[in-house]
C-alpha atoms as a PDB file:
ATOM      1  CA  MET A   1       8.626   6.007  11.632  1.00  0.00           C
ATOM      2  CA  ASN A   2       7.190   9.207  13.061  1.00  0.00           C
ATOM      3  CA  TYR A   3       3.778   9.132  11.441  1.00  0.00           C
ATOM      4  CA  SER A   4       0.509   7.222  11.622  1.00  0.00           C
ATOM      5  CA  TYR A   5      -1.255   5.184   8.972  1.00  0.00           C
ATOM      6  CA  PRO A   6      -4.536   6.537   7.600  1.00  0.00           C
ATOM      7  CA  ILE A   7      -7.316   4.124   8.554  1.00  0.00           C
ATOM      8  CA  GLU A   8     -11.090   4.297   8.812  1.00  0.00           C
ATOM      9  CA  GLU A   9     -12.880   3.839  12.133  1.00  0.00           C
ATOM     10  CA  THR A  10     -15.530   1.665  10.470  1.00  0.00           C
ATOM     11  CA  TRP A  11     -13.056  -1.058   9.454  1.00  0.00           C
ATOM     12  CA  THR A  12     -12.868  -4.340  11.324  1.00  0.00           C
ATOM     13  CA  LYS A  13      -9.728  -5.356  13.185  1.00  0.00           C
ATOM     14  CA  GLN A  14      -8.734  -7.712  10.335  1.00  0.00           C
ATOM     15  CA  GLU A  15      -9.291  -4.987   7.719  1.00  0.00           C
ATOM     16  CA  ILE A  16      -7.054  -2.609   9.673  1.00  0.00           C
ATOM     17  CA  ILE A  17      -4.346  -5.291   9.874  1.00  0.00           C
ATOM     18  CA  ASP A  18      -4.582  -5.909   6.124  1.00  0.00           C
ATOM     19  CA  VAL A  19      -4.444  -2.209   5.205  1.00  0.00           C
ATOM     20  CA  VAL A  20      -1.495  -1.603   7.548  1.00  0.00           C
ATOM     21  CA  ASN A  21       0.246  -4.584   5.936  1.00  0.00           C
ATOM     22  CA  PHE A  22      -0.213  -2.939   2.516  1.00  0.00           C
ATOM     23  CA  TYR A  23       1.209   0.378   3.765  1.00  0.00           C
ATOM     24  CA  SER A  24       4.100  -1.508   5.356  1.00  0.00           C
ATOM     25  CA  LEU A  25       4.944  -3.232   2.066  1.00  0.00           C
ATOM     26  CA  VAL A  26       4.927   0.134   0.273  1.00  0.00           C
ATOM     27  CA  GLU A  27       7.414   1.372   2.901  1.00  0.00           C
ATOM     28  CA  GLN A  28       9.568  -1.709   2.395  1.00  0.00           C
ATOM     29  CA  ALA A  29       9.588  -1.127  -1.369  1.00  0.00           C
ATOM     30  CA  TYR A  30      11.194   2.262  -0.723  1.00  0.00           C
ATOM     31  CA  GLU A  31      13.530   1.195   2.059  1.00  0.00           C
ATOM     32  CA  SER A  32      14.828  -2.236   1.075  1.00  0.00           C
ATOM     33  CA  GLY A  33      12.714  -3.710  -1.692  1.00  0.00           C
ATOM     34  CA  VAL A  34       9.768  -6.092  -1.583  1.00  0.00           C
ATOM     35  CA  LYS A  35       8.621  -9.149  -3.514  1.00  0.00           C
ATOM     36  CA  ARG A  36       6.321  -8.015  -6.295  1.00  0.00           C
ATOM     37  CA  ASP A  37       3.835 -10.843  -5.728  1.00  0.00           C
ATOM     38  CA  ASP A  38       3.548 -10.073  -1.986  1.00  0.00           C
ATOM     39  CA  LEU A  39       2.883  -6.421  -2.769  1.00  0.00           C
ATOM     40  CA  MET A  40       0.228  -7.211  -5.379  1.00  0.00           C
ATOM     41  CA  LEU A  41      -1.514  -9.673  -3.052  1.00  0.00           C
ATOM     42  CA  ALA A  42      -1.656  -7.015  -0.330  1.00  0.00           C
ATOM     43  CA  TYR A  43      -2.905  -4.445  -2.858  1.00  0.00           C
ATOM     44  CA  THR A  44      -5.668  -6.811  -3.989  1.00  0.00           C
ATOM     45  CA  ARG A  45      -6.803  -7.145  -0.372  1.00  0.00           C
ATOM     46  CA  PHE A  46      -6.521  -3.355   0.089  1.00  0.00           C
ATOM     47  CA  LYS A  47      -8.833  -2.892  -2.931  1.00  0.00           C
ATOM     48  CA  GLN A  48     -11.368  -5.317  -1.411  1.00  0.00           C
ATOM     49  CA  ILE A  49     -11.471  -3.109   1.678  1.00  0.00           C
ATOM     50  CA  VAL A  50     -11.274   0.194  -0.249  1.00  0.00           C
ATOM     51  CA  PRO A  51     -13.068  -0.454  -3.563  1.00  0.00           C
ATOM     52  CA  SER A  52     -13.683   3.227  -4.338  1.00  0.00           C
ATOM     53  CA  LYS A  53     -10.966   4.849  -6.459  1.00  0.00           C
ATOM     54  CA  SER A  54     -11.619   8.224  -4.795  1.00  0.00           C
ATOM     55  CA  GLU A  55     -11.284   6.770  -1.293  1.00  0.00           C
ATOM     56  CA  GLU A  56      -8.098   4.983  -2.376  1.00  0.00           C
ATOM     57  CA  LYS A  57      -6.665   8.271  -3.659  1.00  0.00           C
ATOM     58  CA  GLN A  58      -7.659  10.015  -0.423  1.00  0.00           C
ATOM     59  CA  LEU A  59      -6.107   7.377   1.867  1.00  0.00           C
ATOM     60  CA  CYS A  60      -2.961   6.945  -0.237  1.00  0.00           C
ATOM     61  CA  GLY A  61      -2.634  10.727  -0.494  1.00  0.00           C
ATOM     62  CA  LYS A  62      -2.700  11.000   3.310  1.00  0.00           C
ATOM     63  CA  PHE A  63      -0.160   8.176   3.565  1.00  0.00           C
ATOM     64  CA  GLU A  64       2.152   9.870   1.048  1.00  0.00           C
ATOM     65  CA  LYS A  65       1.826  13.234   2.790  1.00  0.00           C
ATOM     66  CA  GLU A  66       2.742  11.642   6.138  1.00  0.00           C
ATOM     67  CA  SER A  67       5.471   9.266   4.965  1.00  0.00           C
ATOM     68  CA  GLY A  68       6.716  10.523   1.609  1.00  0.00           C
ATOM     69  CA  TYR A  69       6.021   7.065   0.099  1.00  0.00           C
ATOM     70  CA  SER A  70       3.678   6.850  -2.909  1.00  0.00           C
ATOM     71  CA  CYS A  71       1.277   3.897  -3.129  1.00  0.00           C
ATOM     72  CA  TYR A  72       0.442   4.898  -6.700  1.00  0.00           C
ATOM     73  CA  ARG A  73       4.030   4.934  -7.962  1.00  0.00           C
ATOM     74  CA  THR A  74       4.835   1.695  -6.153  1.00  0.00           C
ATOM     75  CA  ILE A  75       1.846  -0.172  -7.603  1.00  0.00           C
ATOM     76  CA  LYS A  76       2.489   1.319 -11.044  1.00  0.00           C
ATOM     77  CA  LYS A  77       6.057   0.007 -10.960  1.00  0.00           C
ATOM     78  CA  ALA A  78       4.841  -3.398  -9.748  1.00  0.00           C
ATOM     79  CA  ASN A  79       2.309  -3.605 -12.582  1.00  0.00           C
ATOM     80  CA  GLU A  80       4.996  -2.747 -15.121  1.00  0.00           C
ATOM     81  CA  ALA A  81       7.384  -5.337 -13.653  1.00  0.00           C
ATOM     82  CA  GLY A  82       5.200  -8.368 -14.271  1.00  0.00           C
ATOM     83  CA  THR A  83       5.067 -11.539 -12.182  1.00  0.00           C
ATOM     84  CA  GLY A  84       7.949 -12.378  -9.867  1.00  0.00           C
ATOM     85  CA  GLY A  85      10.918 -10.237  -9.030  1.00  0.00           C
ATOM     86  CA  LYS A  86      11.535  -7.555  -6.480  1.00  0.00           C
ATOM     87  CA  ILE A  87      10.213  -3.979  -6.411  1.00  0.00           C
ATOM     88  CA  LYS A  88      12.691  -1.359  -5.194  1.00  0.00           C
ATOM     89  CA  MET A  89      11.781   2.300  -5.368  1.00  0.00           C
END
């Protein structure tokens, strides 16, 4: 990993940990696969921290530009998969 995660300076330590966990699960979905329910739980927490759709697009866009991994495509696939299972991009 030769990139940094996009975070906001105004977030608390716990919020940063939770957002980084979400980014990490998106990475895992691309690299080895991740449990769908774990990913959706992390995304729900991410949305509590980043409720604005425009801010979500901005942060996920930065993450995709840095890493090549798309939050949007990963969550879309997870939503289509339904409960349970594994998400592999």
